[in-house]
């Protein structure tokens, strides 16, 4: 369980990157994809820092 928790931040960042690639390849003009990807990537970044600080 600790290994999954340790990689939760990078997994969230990869989900944000996937959302950005969907936005790019579909040619959508909606900012919803951009906002959700940005929020998920920022949450993943801070989750990575905070969770790894608590585990170690």
PDB file of N, CA and C in Angstrom:
ATOM      1  N   UNK A   1       0.817  -1.188   0.000  1.00  0.00           N
ATOM      2  CA  UNK A   1       0.000   0.000   0.000  1.00  0.00           C
ATOM      3  C   UNK A   1       0.863   1.255   0.000  1.00  0.00           C
ATOM      4  N   UNK A   2       1.997   1.174   0.687  1.00  0.00           N
ATOM      5  CA  UNK A   2       2.873   2.339   0.719  1.00  0.00           C
ATOM      6  C   UNK A   2       3.470   2.640  -0.649  1.00  0.00           C
ATOM      7  N   UNK A   3       3.712   1.600  -1.442  1.00  0.00           N
ATOM      8  CA  UNK A   3       4.278   1.858  -2.768  1.00  0.00           C
ATOM      9  C   UNK A   3       3.265   2.537  -3.670  1.00  0.00           C
ATOM     10  N   UNK A   4       1.995   2.142  -3.574  1.00  0.00           N
ATOM     11  CA  UNK A   4       0.959   2.813  -4.354  1.00  0.00           C
ATOM     12  C   UNK A   4       0.795   4.247  -3.893  1.00  0.00           C
ATOM     13  N   UNK A   5       0.832   4.459  -2.591  1.00  0.00           N
ATOM     14  CA  UNK A   5       0.705   5.802  -2.049  1.00  0.00           C
ATOM     15  C   UNK A   5       1.895   6.660  -2.431  1.00  0.00           C
ATOM     16  N   UNK A   6       3.067   6.030  -2.532  1.00  0.00           N
ATOM     17  CA  UNK A   6       4.276   6.754  -2.893  1.00  0.00           C
ATOM     18  C   UNK A   6       4.200   7.281  -4.324  1.00  0.00           C
ATOM     19  N   UNK A   7       3.520   6.547  -5.211  1.00  0.00           N
ATOM     20  CA  UNK A   7       3.420   6.939  -6.608  1.00  0.00           C
ATOM     21  C   UNK A   7       2.102   7.620  -6.962  1.00  0.00           C
ATOM     22  N   UNK A   8       1.338   8.039  -5.973  1.00  0.00           N
ATOM     23  CA  UNK A   8       0.058   8.687  -6.236  1.00  0.00           C
ATOM     24  C   UNK A   8       0.241  10.032  -6.931  1.00  0.00           C
ATOM     25  N   UNK A   9       1.215  10.820  -6.523  1.00  0.00           N
ATOM     26  CA  UNK A   9       1.464  12.116  -7.137  1.00  0.00           C
ATOM     27  C   UNK A   9       1.822  12.013  -8.617  1.00  0.00           C
ATOM     28  N   UNK A  10       2.809  11.193  -8.970  1.00  0.00           N
ATOM     29  CA  UNK A  10       3.125  11.041 -10.397  1.00  0.00           C
ATOM     30  C   UNK A  10       1.984  10.459 -11.223  1.00  0.00           C
ATOM     31  N   UNK A  11       1.174   9.599 -10.626  1.00  0.00           N
ATOM     32  CA  UNK A  11       0.017   9.061 -11.345  1.00  0.00           C
ATOM     33  C   UNK A  11      -0.970  10.185 -11.659  1.00  0.00           C
ATOM     34  N   UNK A  12      -1.210  11.064 -10.696  1.00  0.00           N
ATOM     35  CA  UNK A  12      -2.095  12.196 -10.937  1.00  0.00           C
ATOM     36  C   UNK A  12      -1.534  13.134 -12.006  1.00  0.00           C
ATOM     37  N   UNK A  13      -0.233  13.339 -11.998  1.00  0.00           N
ATOM     38  CA  UNK A  13       0.383  14.188 -13.015  1.00  0.00           C
ATOM     39  C   UNK A  13       0.228  13.560 -14.392  1.00  0.00           C
ATOM     40  N   UNK A  14       0.393  12.240 -14.486  1.00  0.00           N
ATOM     41  CA  UNK A  14       0.200  11.566 -15.776  1.00  0.00           C
ATOM     42  C   UNK A  14      -1.249  11.644 -16.254  1.00  0.00           C
ATOM     43  N   UNK A  15      -2.200  11.589 -15.337  1.00  0.00           N
ATOM     44  CA  UNK A  15      -3.605  11.750 -15.715  1.00  0.00           C
ATOM     45  C   UNK A  15      -3.832  13.154 -16.279  1.00  0.00           C
ATOM     46  N   UNK A  16      -3.196  14.154 -15.662  1.00  0.00           N
ATOM     47  CA  UNK A  16      -3.288  15.514 -16.186  1.00  0.00           C
ATOM     48  C   UNK A  16      -2.688  15.635 -17.574  1.00  0.00           C
ATOM     49  N   UNK A  17      -1.582  14.959 -17.815  1.00  0.00           N
ATOM     50  CA  UNK A  17      -0.952  14.977 -19.142  1.00  0.00           C
ATOM     51  C   UNK A  17      -1.846  14.295 -20.172  1.00  0.00           C
ATOM     52  N   UNK A  18      -2.491  13.216 -19.784  1.00  0.00           N
ATOM     53  CA  UNK A  18      -3.417  12.534 -20.700  1.00  0.00           C
ATOM     54  C   UNK A  18      -4.578  13.451 -21.071  1.00  0.00           C
ATOM     55  N   UNK A  19      -5.103  14.183 -20.096  1.00  0.00           N
ATOM     56  CA  UNK A  19      -6.191  15.122 -20.381  1.00  0.00           C
ATOM     57  C   UNK A  19      -5.717  16.220 -21.328  1.00  0.00           C
ATOM     58  N   UNK A  20      -4.491  16.700 -21.129  1.00  0.00           N
ATOM     59  CA  UNK A  20      -3.953  17.717 -22.041  1.00  0.00           C
ATOM     60  C   UNK A  20      -3.769  17.171 -23.451  1.00  0.00           C
ATOM     61  N   UNK A  21      -3.367  15.923 -23.571  1.00  0.00           N
ATOM     62  CA  UNK A  21      -3.205  15.346 -24.905  1.00  0.00           C
ATOM     63  C   UNK A  21      -4.557  15.145 -25.590  1.00  0.00           C
ATOM     64  N   UNK A  22      -5.586  14.788 -24.812  1.00  0.00           N
ATOM     65  CA  UNK A  22      -6.938  14.687 -25.379  1.00  0.00           C
ATOM     66  C   UNK A  22      -7.384  16.047 -25.891  1.00  0.00           C
ATOM     67  N   UNK A  23      -7.114  17.088 -25.124  1.00  0.00           N
ATOM     68  CA  UNK A  23      -7.447  18.451 -25.548  1.00  0.00           C
ATOM     69  C   UNK A  23      -6.731  18.818 -26.841  1.00  0.00           C
ATOM     70  N   UNK A  24      -5.475  18.469 -26.934  1.00  0.00           N
ATOM     71  CA  UNK A  24      -4.680  18.838 -28.105  1.00  0.00           C
ATOM     72  C   UNK A  24      -5.134  18.081 -29.344  1.00  0.00           C
ATOM     73  N   UNK A  25      -5.328  16.777 -29.225  1.00  0.00           N
ATOM     74  CA  UNK A  25      -5.627  15.964 -30.397  1.00  0.00           C
ATOM     75  C   UNK A  25      -7.083  16.054 -30.861  1.00  0.00           C
ATOM     76  N   UNK A  26      -7.989  16.440 -29.974  1.00  0.00           N
ATOM     77  CA  UNK A  26      -9.371  16.602 -30.407  1.00  0.00           C
ATOM     78  C   UNK A  26      -9.625  17.975 -30.998  1.00  0.00           C
ATOM     79  N   UNK A  27      -8.763  18.921 -30.755  1.00  0.00           N
ATOM     80  CA  UNK A  27      -8.936  20.268 -31.293  1.00  0.00           C
ATOM     81  C   UNK A  27     -10.072  21.019 -30.627  1.00  0.00           C
ATOM     82  N   UNK A  28     -10.342  20.694 -29.391  1.00  0.00           N
ATOM     83  CA  UNK A  28     -11.440  21.324 -28.666  1.00  0.00           C
ATOM     84  C   UNK A  28     -11.104  22.771 -28.340  1.00  0.00           C
ATOM     85  N   UNK A  29     -12.119  23.609 -28.297  1.00  0.00           N
ATOM     86  CA  UNK A  29     -11.895  25.014 -27.951  1.00  0.00           C
ATOM     87  C   UNK A  29     -12.402  25.324 -26.546  1.00  0.00           C
ATOM     88  N   UNK A  30     -12.728  24.301 -25.788  1.00  0.00           N
ATOM     89  CA  UNK A  30     -13.228  24.484 -24.432  1.00  0.00           C
ATOM     90  C   UNK A  30     -12.062  24.554 -23.447  1.00  0.00           C
ATOM     91  N   UNK A  31     -12.178  25.439 -22.484  1.00  0.00           N
ATOM     92  CA  UNK A  31     -11.132  25.560 -21.476  1.00  0.00           C
ATOM     93  C   UNK A  31     -11.319  24.604 -20.310  1.00  0.00           C
ATOM     94  N   UNK A  32     -12.360  23.805 -20.346  1.00  0.00           N
ATOM     95  CA  UNK A  32     -12.617  22.856 -19.273  1.00  0.00           C
ATOM     96  C   UNK A  32     -11.500  21.816 -19.176  1.00  0.00           C
ATOM     97  N   UNK A  33     -11.035  21.339 -20.328  1.00  0.00           N
ATOM     98  CA  UNK A  33      -9.920  20.377 -20.333  1.00  0.00           C
ATOM     99  C   UNK A  33      -8.668  21.002 -19.719  1.00  0.00           C
ATOM    100  N   UNK A  34      -8.397  22.237 -20.086  1.00  0.00           N
ATOM    101  CA  UNK A  34      -7.192  22.897 -19.580  1.00  0.00           C
ATOM    102  C   UNK A  34      -7.267  23.129 -18.074  1.00  0.00           C
ATOM    103  N   UNK A  35      -8.413  23.582 -17.601  1.00  0.00           N
ATOM    104  CA  UNK A  35      -8.565  23.844 -16.170  1.00  0.00           C
ATOM    105  C   UNK A  35      -8.483  22.561 -15.358  1.00  0.00           C
ATOM    106  N   UNK A  36      -9.164  21.519 -15.809  1.00  0.00           N
ATOM    107  CA  UNK A  36      -9.134  20.268 -15.050  1.00  0.00           C
ATOM    108  C   UNK A  36      -7.739  19.643 -15.065  1.00  0.00           C
ATOM    109  N   UNK A  37      -7.061  19.691 -16.202  1.00  0.00           N
ATOM    110  CA  UNK A  37      -5.701  19.141 -16.271  1.00  0.00           C
ATOM    111  C   UNK A  37      -4.752  19.935 -15.382  1.00  0.00           C
ATOM    112  N   UNK A  38      -4.885  21.243 -15.392  1.00  0.00           N
ATOM    113  CA  UNK A  38      -4.021  22.076 -14.543  1.00  0.00           C
ATOM    114  C   UNK A  38      -4.233  21.805 -13.075  1.00  0.00           C
ATOM    115  N   UNK A  39      -5.479  21.710 -12.663  1.00  0.00           N
ATOM    116  CA  UNK A  39      -5.781  21.451 -11.254  1.00  0.00           C
ATOM    117  C   UNK A  39      -5.272  20.073 -10.838  1.00  0.00           C
ATOM    118  N   UNK A  40      -5.502  19.068 -11.670  1.00  0.00           N
ATOM    119  CA  UNK A  40      -5.045  17.714 -11.344  1.00  0.00           C
ATOM    120  C   UNK A  40      -3.524  17.655 -11.265  1.00  0.00           C
ATOM    121  N   UNK A  41      -2.835  18.359 -12.158  1.00  0.00           N
ATOM    122  CA  UNK A  41      -1.369  18.333 -12.135  1.00  0.00           C
ATOM    123  C   UNK A  41      -0.820  19.046 -10.903  1.00  0.00           C
ATOM    124  N   UNK A  42      -1.421  20.153 -10.505  1.00  0.00           N
ATOM    125  CA  UNK A  42      -0.963  20.866  -9.309  1.00  0.00           C
ATOM    126  C   UNK A  42      -1.228  20.035  -8.053  1.00  0.00           C
ATOM    127  N   UNK A  43      -2.396  19.410  -7.985  1.00  0.00           N
ATOM    128  CA  UNK A  43      -2.707  18.539  -6.845  1.00  0.00           C
ATOM    129  C   UNK A  43      -1.736  17.359  -6.798  1.00  0.00           C
ATOM    130  N   UNK A  44      -1.425  16.788  -7.955  1.00  0.00           N
ATOM    131  CA  UNK A  44      -0.472  15.681  -8.001  1.00  0.00           C
ATOM    132  C   UNK A  44       0.920  16.098  -7.564  1.00  0.00           C
ATOM    133  N   UNK A  45       1.320  17.300  -7.938  1.00  0.00           N
ATOM    134  CA  UNK A  45       2.639  17.810  -7.548  1.00  0.00           C
ATOM    135  C   UNK A  45       2.734  17.959  -6.031  1.00  0.00           C
ATOM    136  N   UNK A  46       1.725  18.606  -5.440  1.00  0.00           N
ATOM    137  CA  UNK A  46       1.756  18.793  -3.991  1.00  0.00           C
ATOM    138  C   UNK A  46       1.535  17.474  -3.240  1.00  0.00           C
ATOM    139  N   UNK A  47       0.741  16.588  -3.800  1.00  0.00           N
ATOM    140  CA  UNK A  47       0.545  15.280  -3.169  1.00  0.00           C
ATOM    141  C   UNK A  47       1.856  14.503  -3.147  1.00  0.00           C
ATOM    142  N   UNK A  48       2.611  14.582  -4.227  1.00  0.00           N
ATOM    143  CA  UNK A  48       3.898  13.891  -4.281  1.00  0.00           C
ATOM    144  C   UNK A  48       4.835  14.412  -3.198  1.00  0.00           C
ATOM    145  N   UNK A  49       4.900  15.698  -3.047  1.00  0.00           N
ATOM    146  CA  UNK A  49       5.791  16.288  -2.044  1.00  0.00           C
ATOM    147  C   UNK A  49       5.338  15.920  -0.632  1.00  0.00           C
ATOM    148  N   UNK A  50       4.061  16.124  -0.341  1.00  0.00           N
ATOM    149  CA  UNK A  50       3.573  15.905   1.021  1.00  0.00           C
ATOM    150  C   UNK A  50       3.559  14.438   1.416  1.00  0.00           C
ATOM    151  N   UNK A  51       3.137  13.570   0.521  1.00  0.00           N
ATOM    152  CA  UNK A  51       3.068  12.142   0.862  1.00  0.00           C
ATOM    153  C   UNK A  51       4.461  11.560   1.059  1.00  0.00           C
ATOM    154  N   UNK A  52       5.400  11.932   0.194  1.00  0.00           N
ATOM    155  CA  UNK A  52       6.759  11.393   0.358  1.00  0.00           C
ATOM    156  C   UNK A  52       7.444  11.963   1.596  1.00  0.00           C
ATOM    157  N   UNK A  53       7.066  13.136   2.010  1.00  0.00           N
ATOM    158  CA  UNK A  53       7.618  13.690   3.241  1.00  0.00           C
ATOM    159  C   UNK A  53       7.079  12.915   4.448  1.00  0.00           C
ATOM    160  N   UNK A  54       5.808  12.521   4.395  1.00  0.00           N
ATOM    161  CA  UNK A  54       5.202  11.781   5.517  1.00  0.00           C
ATOM    162  C   UNK A  54       5.702  10.333   5.566  1.00  0.00           C
ATOM    163  N   UNK A  55       5.888   9.694   4.408  1.00  0.00           N
ATOM    164  CA  UNK A  55       6.311   8.297   4.393  1.00  0.00           C
ATOM    165  C   UNK A  55       7.724   8.145   4.904  1.00  0.00           C
ATOM    166  N   UNK A  56       8.610   9.026   4.508  1.00  0.00           N
ATOM    167  CA  UNK A  56      10.007   8.903   4.924  1.00  0.00           C
ATOM    168  C   UNK A  56      10.159   9.529   6.253  1.00  0.00           C
TER     169      UNK A  56
END
